[in-house]
Amino acid sequence: MEELFRVVEHLQFRENWKKYERMIPKVVRGFRRIEKLTKEVSKKHDALIEFWINDRRWGVRAIVDAEGMNEKEKLQEIMKAAKALKDFNHRFHPET
């Protein structure tokens, strides 16, 4: 179990993915696919969507920097981010 936690801890850093590609190829390919999709969706929707990993979990999130925005602008940015996340979900799980 200790080794599993060590591997997960190492996978937080993209530069370690190549090291584990032979050991757990499906996991690393999945991470690469997710990262590629987040970049594509971010660009398409002009929103900041990112794939993150820590030692306990991983996920995809939208980041909205609302500093200096009025309420209408904030809502527009949040809606843009929500559409981008929905697009990511449809691409990642096309059957849903």
Protein backbone atom coordinates (compact mmCIF):
# COMPACT_ATOMS: atom_id res chain seq x y z
CA MET A 1 0.00 0.00 0.00
CA GLU A 2 2.85 2.35 0.81
CA GLU A 3 4.25 1.90 -2.70
CA LEU A 4 0.87 2.77 -4.24
CA PHE A 5 0.80 6.07 -2.33
CA ARG A 6 4.35 6.80 -3.48
CA VAL A 7 3.37 6.21 -7.12
CA VAL A 8 0.30 8.44 -6.79
CA GLU A 9 2.46 11.11 -5.17
CA HIS A 10 4.89 10.92 -8.12
CA LEU A 11 2.08 11.11 -10.68
CA GLN A 12 1.22 14.60 -9.44
CA PHE A 13 4.14 15.83 -11.50
CA ARG A 14 3.78 15.48 -15.25
CA GLU A 15 7.53 15.02 -15.70
CA ASN A 16 7.14 11.64 -13.90
CA TRP A 17 4.43 10.30 -16.22
CA LYS A 18 6.94 8.87 -18.68
CA LYS A 19 8.60 6.93 -15.85
CA TYR A 20 5.31 5.14 -15.06
CA GLU A 21 4.06 4.72 -18.62
CA ARG A 22 5.22 1.09 -18.84
CA MET A 23 4.02 0.18 -15.36
CA ILE A 24 0.51 1.68 -15.58
CA PRO A 25 -0.03 2.60 -19.24
CA LYS A 26 -3.81 3.01 -19.08
CA VAL A 27 -3.58 5.48 -16.21
CA VAL A 28 -0.89 7.59 -17.88
CA ARG A 29 -2.71 7.50 -21.25
CA GLY A 30 -5.88 8.57 -19.46
CA PHE A 31 -4.09 11.46 -17.79
CA ARG A 32 -2.60 12.55 -21.11
CA ARG A 33 -6.02 12.36 -22.79
CA ILE A 34 -7.60 14.44 -20.04
CA GLU A 35 -4.84 17.03 -20.22
CA LYS A 36 -5.21 17.28 -24.02
CA LEU A 37 -8.99 17.66 -23.74
CA THR A 38 -8.71 20.40 -21.12
CA LYS A 39 -6.37 22.36 -23.39
CA GLU A 40 -8.69 21.96 -26.38
CA VAL A 41 -11.78 22.97 -24.41
CA SER A 42 -9.99 25.92 -22.81
CA LYS A 43 -8.99 27.23 -26.20
CA LYS A 44 -12.41 26.67 -27.80
CA HIS A 45 -14.33 28.42 -25.01
CA ASP A 46 -11.69 31.00 -24.05
CA ALA A 47 -11.84 29.74 -20.46
CA LEU A 48 -9.24 28.38 -18.05
CA ILE A 49 -9.94 24.67 -17.61
CA GLU A 50 -7.25 22.61 -15.95
CA PHE A 51 -6.47 19.04 -14.99
CA TRP A 52 -5.05 18.76 -11.49
CA ILE A 53 -3.64 15.93 -9.42
CA ASN A 54 -2.69 15.78 -5.78
CA ASP A 55 -1.74 12.88 -3.55
CA ARG A 56 -5.38 12.01 -2.76
CA ARG A 57 -7.45 12.75 -5.86
CA TRP A 58 -7.52 14.26 -9.31
CA GLY A 59 -9.98 16.27 -11.31
CA VAL A 60 -10.84 18.91 -13.85
CA ARG A 61 -11.79 22.41 -12.79
CA ALA A 62 -12.56 25.80 -14.22
CA ILE A 63 -10.83 28.85 -12.84
CA VAL A 64 -12.43 32.27 -13.11
CA ASP A 65 -10.49 35.34 -12.04
CA ALA A 66 -13.32 37.71 -11.19
CA GLU A 67 -11.18 40.46 -9.72
CA GLY A 68 -12.22 43.85 -11.04
CA MET A 69 -15.32 42.51 -12.82
CA ASN A 70 -18.83 43.77 -12.34
CA GLU A 71 -21.64 41.30 -11.63
CA LYS A 72 -22.64 40.94 -15.28
CA GLU A 73 -19.06 40.19 -16.35
CA LYS A 74 -18.66 37.66 -13.53
CA LEU A 75 -21.82 35.87 -14.60
CA GLN A 76 -20.64 35.80 -18.24
CA GLU A 77 -17.28 34.31 -17.24
CA ILE A 78 -18.91 31.72 -14.98
CA MET A 79 -21.30 30.71 -17.76
CA LYS A 80 -18.39 30.44 -20.20
CA ALA A 81 -16.53 28.21 -17.75
CA ALA A 82 -19.64 26.08 -17.16
CA LYS A 83 -20.09 25.57 -20.91
CA ALA A 84 -16.43 24.59 -21.22
CA LEU A 85 -16.77 22.03 -18.41
CA LYS A 86 -19.91 20.64 -20.02
CA ASP A 87 -18.08 20.36 -23.34
CA PHE A 88 -15.19 18.57 -21.61
CA ASN A 89 -17.60 16.13 -19.99
CA HIS A 90 -19.31 15.38 -23.31
CA ARG A 91 -15.96 14.78 -24.99
CA PHE A 92 -14.61 12.64 -22.16
CA HIS A 93 -17.86 10.64 -21.76
CA PRO A 94 -19.44 10.80 -25.23
CA GLU A 95 -22.11 8.26 -24.25
CA THR A 96 -23.68 10.61 -21.67
